């Protein structure tokens, strides 16, 4: 990888897990808009429902974390939070059309497995009792393997979970110690065996982060080689996003040493090479899957999609209805974000109110821009004619909706990051690393950006 290109394009840009990005949300959309927005979403496509449930509690706080988390508090606070979560979920279920099917349920945090599995089972059961699930519905949970044992895993399987994300982050214990994270309590191979036993179709993800203190090219390669030998269904290599002005705990890592952009690129490239040799296929910016995975088939047919839960197919994606502190509902026409304070969340729900404190209502133009950026980020191709037909708009309307900066695109093409003709943009292999930069060049909101973002590398 050309270090001059890294220096040139390593600039701040959105991650585009949503469009517009969450830092454009406004308090003008709040609890007073919640019920109408949810009811209205019943008449929008996609018709499938995706539930997200946020468990904020962690037994230890990792210094790299950029999620909305809090240390395990007193037992009464956890109990009150779970009661509020069930109340909010019940109210949400009452607003949704019961003829719609659920295609995804996802638990994130925090550390969802920091609480007893019986609470997760009760929440799942509320959804199972109210809706029919699609045949290929995914019931997923993010876990910290430091707090998994055999009985807990069996309880999760009994609760209906069929995809398990193991937040390993690194197999190197020195790296984990520096970022305040405990290693797995059991051998990862044993965890995998328990998950697959009797239910071989259960899926397993491994999550890793590169760019952390004490990581070297060789040490991260050893971690990825060890992971590849275990053959998880999916593997994710996240680039550490350093924003200490937003996440104060990250200031600690500055004193412990962080990788520069050149080393991060080298670690990513080495990991990608190891995984390719092990038979994995690259998906989007940071995911790797086995060739029989539905995500690879979707990418191959240019039908890959993504939401806040991660990559999915256009066929299985749903509007996201989120419950819990800081959770963001990702509806077709609006975003609704809950309060980030656990105590405030409990108070709002206990008083019979929605917990929404900010959000965003999308214009027709922003819906067009969102789909264009999603196509490019997921499938590495933006076919303007195809998108115009899908949106039932003219090609000129589409071109006028996005920020089609011909000079910027020509520069990307000159640097071999992009191939293009009049109505088609295609990301090259070299351009994959800079896809956020290319997506930002299409974004009208980035013409004069006034928000804070992490650097692309």
Protein backbone atom coordinates (compact mmCIF):
# COMPACT_ATOMS: atom_id res chain seq x y z
CA UNK A 1 0.00 0.00 0.00
CA UNK A 2 1.34 3.38 -1.06
CA UNK A 3 2.21 5.39 2.07
CA UNK A 4 1.66 8.61 0.14
CA UNK A 5 -1.97 7.58 -0.47
CA UNK A 6 -2.40 6.81 3.22
CA UNK A 7 -1.07 10.25 4.13
CA UNK A 8 -3.26 11.88 1.49
CA UNK A 9 -6.54 10.18 2.38
CA UNK A 10 -6.25 9.53 6.11
CA UNK A 11 -8.78 12.22 6.93
CA UNK A 12 -11.80 12.44 9.21
CA UNK A 13 -14.96 11.02 7.61
CA UNK A 14 -18.20 9.35 8.73
CA UNK A 15 -18.33 5.57 9.15
CA UNK A 16 -21.77 5.62 7.51
CA UNK A 17 -23.37 3.02 9.76
CA UNK A 18 -26.33 5.36 9.25
CA UNK A 19 -27.15 8.24 6.95
CA UNK A 20 -27.17 10.96 8.05
CA UNK A 21 -24.63 10.00 10.73
CA UNK A 22 -25.81 10.02 14.34
CA UNK A 23 -24.04 13.29 15.13
CA UNK A 24 -26.61 15.03 12.90
CA UNK A 25 -29.48 13.96 15.13
CA UNK A 26 -31.42 16.80 16.72
CA UNK A 27 -33.52 17.27 19.85
CA UNK A 28 -36.36 18.52 17.65
CA UNK A 29 -37.16 14.84 17.20
CA UNK A 30 -37.94 13.52 20.68
CA UNK A 31 -40.41 11.50 22.75
CA UNK A 32 -43.33 13.46 21.33
CA UNK A 33 -42.53 12.09 17.86
CA UNK A 34 -41.95 8.49 18.93
CA UNK A 35 -45.37 6.87 18.72
CA UNK A 36 -46.34 8.49 15.40
CA UNK A 37 -42.98 7.60 13.80
CA UNK A 38 -43.24 3.94 14.86
CA UNK A 39 -46.85 3.61 13.69
CA UNK A 40 -46.00 5.30 10.40
CA UNK A 41 -43.11 2.90 9.81
CA UNK A 42 -45.60 0.01 9.52
CA UNK A 43 -46.49 1.25 6.03
CA UNK A 44 -42.90 1.62 4.81
CA UNK A 45 -40.59 -0.98 3.34
CA UNK A 46 -38.74 -3.06 4.29
CA UNK A 47 -41.60 -4.81 6.04
CA UNK A 48 -39.40 -7.12 8.07
CA UNK A 49 -38.72 -6.16 11.69
CA UNK A 50 -35.29 -6.08 13.29
CA UNK A 51 -35.15 -5.68 17.08
CA UNK A 52 -32.12 -4.27 18.88
CA UNK A 53 -31.86 -4.52 22.67
CA UNK A 54 -29.14 -2.64 24.53
CA UNK A 55 -27.59 -4.01 27.73
CA UNK A 56 -25.21 -1.27 28.93
CA UNK A 57 -23.61 -3.04 31.88
CA UNK A 58 -20.00 -4.26 31.93
CA UNK A 59 -18.07 -6.02 34.66
CA UNK A 60 -14.97 -4.09 33.53
CA UNK A 61 -14.73 -1.07 31.24
CA UNK A 62 -12.28 -1.53 28.35
CA UNK A 63 -10.22 1.57 27.66
CA UNK A 64 -10.73 1.44 23.87
CA UNK A 65 -14.52 1.30 24.05
CA UNK A 66 -16.63 3.84 22.18
CA UNK A 67 -20.00 2.29 23.11
CA UNK A 68 -22.53 3.52 25.65
CA UNK A 69 -21.57 1.43 28.66
CA UNK A 70 -21.50 1.62 32.44
CA UNK A 71 -20.03 -0.54 35.20
CA UNK A 72 -22.32 -3.07 36.84
CA UNK A 73 -24.09 -1.02 39.44
CA UNK A 74 -26.09 -2.04 42.44
CA UNK A 75 -28.44 -4.99 42.02
CA UNK A 76 -31.45 -2.68 42.35
CA UNK A 77 -30.32 -0.55 39.41
CA UNK A 78 -29.87 -3.58 37.15
CA UNK A 79 -33.27 -4.91 38.25
CA UNK A 80 -34.94 -1.55 37.57
CA UNK A 81 -33.27 -1.26 34.19
CA UNK A 82 -34.43 -4.70 33.07
CA UNK A 83 -37.97 -3.92 34.22
CA UNK A 84 -37.90 -0.70 32.19
CA UNK A 85 -36.50 -2.56 29.18
CA UNK A 86 -39.39 -5.03 29.28
CA UNK A 87 -41.89 -2.19 29.63
CA UNK A 88 -40.45 -0.30 26.66
CA UNK A 89 -40.39 -3.47 24.55
CA UNK A 90 -44.01 -4.23 25.43
CA UNK A 91 -45.13 -0.74 24.43
CA UNK A 92 -43.19 -0.98 21.18
CA UNK A 93 -44.70 -4.36 20.32
CA UNK A 94 -48.18 -2.86 20.76
CA UNK A 95 -47.40 -0.22 18.10
CA UNK A 96 -46.21 -2.66 15.46
CA UNK A 97 -48.29 -4.47 12.86
CA UNK A 98 -48.43 -8.13 13.95
CA UNK A 99 -48.63 -9.26 10.32
CA UNK A 100 -45.02 -8.20 9.89
CA UNK A 101 -42.33 -10.81 10.47
CA UNK A 102 -39.17 -10.59 12.56
CA UNK A 103 -35.96 -11.31 10.65
CA UNK A 104 -33.38 -10.14 13.22
CA UNK A 105 -33.00 -9.85 16.98
CA UNK A 106 -29.71 -8.47 18.20
CA UNK A 107 -28.36 -7.82 21.71
CA UNK A 108 -25.51 -5.36 22.07
CA UNK A 109 -23.93 -3.28 24.78
CA UNK A 110 -22.13 -3.04 27.01
CA UNK A 111 -21.83 -6.71 27.69
CA UNK A 112 -25.15 -8.54 27.23
CA UNK A 113 -23.76 -11.63 28.97
CA UNK A 114 -22.99 -9.56 32.07
CA UNK A 115 -26.55 -10.27 33.23
CA UNK A 116 -28.22 -13.59 33.97
CA UNK A 117 -29.35 -15.49 30.89
CA UNK A 118 -32.89 -15.88 32.24
CA UNK A 119 -33.48 -12.15 31.63
CA UNK A 120 -32.41 -12.46 28.02
CA UNK A 121 -34.67 -15.47 27.57
CA UNK A 122 -37.66 -13.55 28.96
CA UNK A 123 -37.06 -10.67 26.54
CA UNK A 124 -36.76 -13.04 23.59
CA UNK A 125 -39.95 -14.78 24.60
CA UNK A 126 -41.87 -11.50 24.52
CA UNK A 127 -40.91 -11.16 20.85
CA UNK A 128 -41.51 -14.83 20.02
CA UNK A 129 -45.01 -14.64 21.53
CA UNK A 130 -45.98 -11.53 19.55
CA UNK A 131 -44.56 -12.16 16.06
CA UNK A 132 -43.87 -14.84 13.51
CA UNK A 133 -40.18 -15.12 12.67
CA UNK A 134 -38.88 -15.55 9.14
CA UNK A 135 -37.50 -18.99 8.29
CA UNK A 136 -33.93 -17.69 8.40
CA UNK A 137 -34.35 -15.28 11.32
CA UNK A 138 -31.15 -14.41 13.15
CA UNK A 139 -31.18 -14.15 16.95
CA UNK A 140 -27.76 -12.77 17.81
CA UNK A 141 -25.88 -11.74 20.92
CA UNK A 142 -22.57 -10.00 21.46
CA UNK A 143 -20.58 -11.68 24.22
CA UNK A 144 -17.39 -11.21 26.19
CA UNK A 145 -15.80 -14.69 26.39
CA UNK A 146 -14.22 -13.75 29.72
CA UNK A 147 -17.67 -14.23 31.28
CA UNK A 148 -18.90 -17.35 29.48
CA UNK A 149 -19.12 -20.83 30.95
CA UNK A 150 -20.79 -24.00 29.73
CA UNK A 151 -24.06 -23.53 31.61
CA UNK A 152 -24.44 -19.93 30.47
CA UNK A 153 -23.91 -20.97 26.84
CA UNK A 154 -26.48 -23.74 27.19
CA UNK A 155 -28.93 -21.23 28.65
CA UNK A 156 -28.38 -18.89 25.68
CA UNK A 157 -29.07 -21.71 23.25
CA UNK A 158 -32.22 -22.59 25.18
CA UNK A 159 -33.27 -18.94 24.95
CA UNK A 160 -33.25 -19.18 21.15
CA UNK A 161 -29.95 -17.53 20.21
CA UNK A 162 -28.46 -18.87 16.99
CA UNK A 163 -25.61 -16.42 16.30
CA UNK A 164 -22.89 -15.74 18.86
CA UNK A 165 -20.35 -12.94 18.49
CA UNK A 166 -17.27 -13.54 20.61
CA UNK A 167 -15.48 -10.27 21.42
CA UNK A 168 -11.98 -11.70 21.58
CA UNK A 169 -10.25 -8.47 20.38
CA UNK A 170 -6.79 -10.08 20.57
CA UNK A 171 -5.36 -13.41 21.71
CA UNK A 172 -2.28 -11.63 23.10
CA UNK A 173 -2.75 -11.30 26.86
CA UNK A 174 -0.32 -8.38 27.12
CA UNK A 175 -2.46 -6.38 24.69
CA UNK A 176 -5.62 -7.25 26.61
CA UNK A 177 -4.02 -6.23 29.91
CA UNK A 178 -3.07 -2.80 28.53
CA UNK A 179 -6.65 -2.13 27.38
CA UNK A 180 -8.19 -3.47 30.63
CA UNK A 181 -9.89 -6.52 29.11
CA UNK A 182 -9.82 -10.05 30.52
CA UNK A 183 -8.99 -13.02 28.29
CA UNK A 184 -11.48 -15.79 27.63
CA UNK A 185 -12.37 -17.89 30.66
CA UNK A 186 -12.47 -21.04 28.50
CA UNK A 187 -10.55 -22.12 25.43
CA UNK A 188 -12.34 -20.61 22.43
CA UNK A 189 -12.46 -24.04 20.78
CA UNK A 190 -14.46 -25.35 23.76
CA UNK A 191 -16.91 -22.43 23.52
CA UNK A 192 -17.40 -23.17 19.83
CA UNK A 193 -17.99 -26.85 20.48
CA UNK A 194 -20.71 -26.09 23.04
CA UNK A 195 -22.43 -23.63 20.69
CA UNK A 196 -22.41 -26.08 17.76
CA UNK A 197 -23.23 -29.23 19.74
CA UNK A 198 -26.69 -30.44 18.72
CA UNK A 199 -27.22 -27.28 16.66
CA UNK A 200 -24.51 -27.32 13.99
CA UNK A 201 -26.16 -24.47 12.09
CA UNK A 202 -25.61 -22.06 14.97
CA UNK A 203 -23.26 -19.35 13.72
CA UNK A 204 -20.15 -17.96 15.40
CA UNK A 205 -18.45 -14.60 14.83
CA UNK A 206 -15.01 -13.58 16.10
CA UNK A 207 -14.39 -9.86 16.69
CA UNK A 208 -10.88 -8.34 16.74
CA UNK A 209 -9.50 -4.80 16.97
CA UNK A 210 -6.26 -3.60 15.40
CA UNK A 211 -4.41 -0.43 16.34
CA UNK A 212 -4.23 -1.11 20.09
CA UNK A 213 -1.19 -0.60 22.36
CA UNK A 214 1.53 -3.28 22.13
CA UNK A 215 0.15 -4.75 18.92
CA UNK A 216 2.76 -5.38 16.26
CA UNK A 217 2.45 -6.66 12.73
CA UNK A 218 3.72 -10.07 13.83
CA UNK A 219 1.65 -10.30 17.00
CA UNK A 220 -1.63 -9.41 15.23
CA UNK A 221 -0.78 -11.86 12.44
CA UNK A 222 -0.38 -14.59 15.09
CA UNK A 223 -3.81 -13.72 16.49
CA UNK A 224 -5.48 -13.89 13.06
CA UNK A 225 -3.67 -17.12 12.17
CA UNK A 226 -4.93 -18.68 15.41
CA UNK A 227 -8.43 -17.46 14.65
CA UNK A 228 -8.39 -18.81 11.08
CA UNK A 229 -7.43 -22.28 12.35
CA UNK A 230 -10.54 -22.28 14.56
CA UNK A 231 -12.69 -21.57 11.47
CA UNK A 232 -15.48 -19.30 12.80
CA UNK A 233 -18.32 -18.60 10.36
CA UNK A 234 -17.46 -14.91 10.27
CA UNK A 235 -14.52 -12.84 11.45
CA UNK A 236 -14.37 -9.07 11.90
CA UNK A 237 -11.26 -6.89 12.13
CA UNK A 238 -12.23 -3.47 13.44
CA UNK A 239 -9.91 -0.52 13.10
CA UNK A 240 -9.57 1.14 16.50
CA UNK A 241 -11.27 4.55 16.33
CA UNK A 242 -9.51 7.03 18.62
CA UNK A 243 -11.78 9.86 19.79
CA UNK A 244 -10.61 10.77 23.32
CA UNK A 245 -12.47 14.07 23.18
CA UNK A 246 -15.70 12.05 23.11
CA UNK A 247 -14.66 8.92 25.02
CA UNK A 248 -12.49 10.03 27.96
CA UNK A 249 -11.36 6.50 28.84
CA UNK A 250 -9.40 6.43 25.57
CA UNK A 251 -6.99 9.05 26.91
CA UNK A 252 -5.33 6.25 28.90
CA UNK A 253 -4.31 4.52 25.68
CA UNK A 254 -2.43 7.58 24.43
CA UNK A 255 0.04 7.06 27.27
CA UNK A 256 0.39 3.36 26.39
CA UNK A 257 1.15 3.87 22.73
CA UNK A 258 -1.08 3.60 19.66
CA UNK A 259 -0.30 2.30 16.19
CA UNK A 260 0.27 4.85 13.45
CA UNK A 261 -1.77 4.67 10.24
CA UNK A 262 0.95 2.84 8.29
CA UNK A 263 1.11 0.06 10.87
CA UNK A 264 -2.67 -0.20 11.00
CA UNK A 265 -2.82 -0.62 7.23
CA UNK A 266 -0.08 -3.24 7.36
CA UNK A 267 -1.97 -5.16 10.08
CA UNK A 268 -5.20 -5.05 8.09
CA UNK A 269 -3.50 -6.17 4.87
CA UNK A 270 -1.66 -8.99 6.62
CA UNK A 271 -4.87 -10.15 8.29
CA UNK A 272 -6.74 -10.03 4.97
CA UNK A 273 -4.01 -12.08 3.29
CA UNK A 274 -4.04 -14.71 6.05
CA UNK A 275 -7.81 -15.00 5.92
CA UNK A 276 -7.88 -15.18 2.12
CA UNK A 277 -5.38 -18.04 2.23
CA UNK A 278 -7.64 -19.74 4.81
CA UNK A 279 -10.59 -19.55 2.40
CA UNK A 280 -12.40 -16.46 3.71
CA UNK A 281 -14.02 -13.84 1.49
CA UNK A 282 -13.87 -10.12 2.27
CA UNK A 283 -17.17 -8.34 2.95
CA UNK A 284 -17.41 -4.57 3.12
CA UNK A 285 -14.77 -2.73 5.10
CA UNK A 286 -13.88 -5.20 7.82
CA UNK A 287 -15.81 -8.49 7.63
CA UNK A 288 -14.60 -11.87 6.38
CA UNK A 289 -16.90 -14.82 5.77
CA UNK A 290 -16.74 -18.35 4.44
CA UNK A 291 -17.75 -18.85 0.78
CA UNK A 292 -21.09 -20.49 1.64
CA UNK A 293 -22.17 -17.51 3.79
CA UNK A 294 -25.31 -15.65 2.71
CA UNK A 295 -23.40 -12.38 2.94
CA UNK A 296 -20.92 -13.48 0.28
CA UNK A 297 -23.74 -14.64 -1.97
CA UNK A 298 -25.43 -11.27 -1.47
CA UNK A 299 -22.21 -9.41 -2.30
CA UNK A 300 -21.72 -11.56 -5.39
CA UNK A 301 -25.19 -10.56 -6.62
CA UNK A 302 -24.73 -6.93 -5.47
CA UNK A 303 -27.53 -7.24 -2.90
CA UNK A 304 -25.53 -6.76 0.29
CA UNK A 305 -27.03 -4.32 2.79
CA UNK A 306 -26.24 -3.08 6.30
CA UNK A 307 -27.86 -1.49 9.33
CA UNK A 308 -26.70 -0.68 12.86
CA UNK A 309 -26.48 -4.42 13.56
CA UNK A 310 -23.98 -4.94 10.75
CA UNK A 311 -24.09 -6.47 7.29
CA UNK A 312 -27.17 -8.32 6.06
CA UNK A 313 -28.90 -9.10 2.78
CA UNK A 314 -31.56 -6.95 1.14
CA UNK A 315 -33.91 -9.94 1.45
CA UNK A 316 -33.52 -10.30 5.23
CA UNK A 317 -32.98 -6.72 6.34
CA UNK A 318 -35.68 -5.00 8.36
CA UNK A 319 -36.38 -1.62 9.85
CA UNK A 320 -34.60 -1.57 13.22
CA UNK A 321 -36.67 -1.02 16.37
CA UNK A 322 -34.37 -0.42 19.31
CA UNK A 323 -34.99 -0.49 23.05
CA UNK A 324 -32.76 0.38 25.96
CA UNK A 325 -30.50 3.22 26.97
CA UNK A 326 -28.88 5.06 23.99
CA UNK A 327 -30.53 2.63 21.54
CA UNK A 328 -31.28 3.98 18.05
CA UNK A 329 -34.32 2.91 16.06
CA UNK A 330 -33.40 2.96 12.37
CA UNK A 331 -36.72 3.35 10.57
CA UNK A 332 -37.11 3.95 6.86
CA UNK A 333 -38.16 7.57 7.37
CA UNK A 334 -36.63 8.46 10.74
CA UNK A 335 -34.07 7.75 13.45
CA UNK A 336 -35.07 7.77 17.12
CA UNK A 337 -32.40 7.69 19.83
CA UNK A 338 -33.02 7.02 23.52
CA UNK A 339 -31.42 8.89 26.39
CA UNK A 340 -27.84 7.84 27.22
CA UNK A 341 -28.38 7.97 31.00
CA UNK A 342 -29.46 4.75 32.70
CA UNK A 343 -31.21 6.58 35.53
CA UNK A 344 -32.96 8.97 33.13
CA UNK A 345 -34.03 6.03 30.97
CA UNK A 346 -35.57 4.23 33.95
CA UNK A 347 -37.31 7.41 35.07
CA UNK A 348 -38.79 8.20 31.65
CA UNK A 349 -40.12 4.68 31.12
CA UNK A 350 -41.50 4.41 34.67
CA UNK A 351 -43.47 7.64 34.11
CA UNK A 352 -45.09 6.20 30.99
CA UNK A 353 -43.06 8.25 28.53
CA UNK A 354 -40.94 7.28 25.55
CA UNK A 355 -37.19 7.44 26.19
CA UNK A 356 -36.42 9.20 22.90
CA UNK A 357 -34.41 12.41 23.36
CA UNK A 358 -33.20 13.06 19.81
CA UNK A 359 -33.42 11.77 16.29
CA UNK A 360 -33.78 12.72 12.67
CA UNK A 361 -36.53 12.78 10.05
CA UNK A 362 -35.17 12.09 6.58
CA UNK A 363 -36.15 14.09 3.53
CA UNK A 364 -36.76 12.33 0.21
CA UNK A 365 -33.37 13.55 -0.98
CA UNK A 366 -31.61 12.12 2.11
CA UNK A 367 -33.28 8.75 1.53
CA UNK A 368 -31.79 8.76 -1.97
CA UNK A 369 -28.32 9.73 -0.70
CA UNK A 370 -28.55 7.03 2.01
CA UNK A 371 -29.25 4.32 -0.54
CA UNK A 372 -26.48 5.51 -2.86
CA UNK A 373 -23.89 5.48 -0.05
CA UNK A 374 -25.16 2.14 1.25
CA UNK A 375 -24.82 0.58 -2.21
CA UNK A 376 -21.26 1.84 -2.53
CA UNK A 377 -20.18 0.90 1.01
CA UNK A 378 -21.69 -2.58 0.88
CA UNK A 379 -21.31 -3.73 -2.72
CA UNK A 380 -18.36 -1.58 -3.84
CA UNK A 381 -20.47 -0.50 -6.80
CA UNK A 382 -22.85 2.39 -7.37
CA UNK A 383 -24.88 1.87 -10.52
CA UNK A 384 -26.79 5.13 -10.92
CA UNK A 385 -29.19 3.84 -13.57
CA UNK A 386 -30.10 0.80 -11.46
CA UNK A 387 -30.59 2.90 -8.34
CA UNK A 388 -32.77 5.41 -10.21
CA UNK A 389 -35.01 2.57 -11.40
CA UNK A 390 -35.18 1.11 -7.89
CA UNK A 391 -36.16 4.49 -6.43
CA UNK A 392 -38.54 5.17 -9.34
CA UNK A 393 -36.88 8.51 -10.08
CA UNK A 394 -35.15 9.98 -13.11
CA UNK A 395 -31.39 9.70 -13.51
CA UNK A 396 -31.13 13.50 -13.40
CA UNK A 397 -33.03 13.59 -10.08
CA UNK A 398 -30.62 11.05 -8.65
CA UNK A 399 -27.55 12.92 -9.85
CA UNK A 400 -28.89 16.18 -8.46
CA UNK A 401 -29.65 14.54 -5.10
CA UNK A 402 -26.16 13.26 -4.40
CA UNK A 403 -23.02 15.39 -4.41
CA UNK A 404 -21.48 14.11 -7.64
CA UNK A 405 -18.14 15.89 -7.43
CA UNK A 406 -16.50 15.03 -10.75
CA UNK A 407 -13.14 16.51 -9.76
CA UNK A 408 -12.94 14.45 -6.55
CA UNK A 409 -14.04 11.29 -8.38
CA UNK A 410 -11.46 11.90 -11.12
CA UNK A 411 -8.77 12.18 -8.45
CA UNK A 412 -9.84 8.88 -6.89
CA UNK A 413 -9.73 7.32 -10.34
CA UNK A 414 -6.26 8.74 -11.03
CA UNK A 415 -5.06 7.17 -7.77
CA UNK A 416 -6.50 3.79 -8.89
CA UNK A 417 -9.07 3.75 -6.07
CA UNK A 418 -12.06 3.93 -8.36
CA UNK A 419 -13.19 2.92 -11.83
CA UNK A 420 -15.99 4.89 -13.39
CA UNK A 421 -17.97 5.70 -16.46
CA UNK A 422 -20.83 8.16 -16.82
CA UNK A 423 -23.28 6.25 -14.63
CA UNK A 424 -21.29 3.65 -12.70
CA UNK A 425 -18.71 3.83 -9.92
CA UNK A 426 -16.75 0.75 -8.85
CA UNK A 427 -14.29 0.56 -5.98
CA UNK A 428 -10.97 -1.12 -6.80
CA UNK A 429 -9.15 -3.45 -4.41
CA UNK A 430 -6.83 -0.59 -3.46
CA UNK A 431 -9.82 1.71 -3.01
CA UNK A 432 -11.44 -0.56 -0.45
CA UNK A 433 -9.27 0.95 2.29
CA UNK A 434 -10.47 4.45 1.35
CA UNK A 435 -14.13 3.67 0.73
CA UNK A 436 -15.23 6.07 3.48
CA UNK A 437 -13.43 8.90 1.68
CA UNK A 438 -15.13 8.02 -1.59
CA UNK A 439 -18.55 7.75 0.06
CA UNK A 440 -18.03 11.13 1.74
CA UNK A 441 -17.37 12.70 -1.67
CA UNK A 442 -20.97 11.81 -2.62
CA UNK A 443 -22.44 13.24 0.57
CA UNK A 444 -23.95 16.74 0.38
CA UNK A 445 -23.48 17.06 4.15
CA UNK A 446 -19.70 16.79 3.71
CA UNK A 447 -19.35 19.76 1.38
CA UNK A 448 -18.77 21.98 4.42
CA UNK A 449 -18.55 19.47 7.29
CA UNK A 450 -19.18 20.78 10.80
CA UNK A 451 -19.15 17.51 12.76
CA UNK A 452 -16.40 15.47 14.46
CA UNK A 453 -15.44 12.10 12.93
CA UNK A 454 -12.63 9.59 13.38
CA UNK A 455 -9.97 9.30 10.68
CA UNK A 456 -10.56 6.78 7.92
CA UNK A 457 -7.50 4.71 8.80
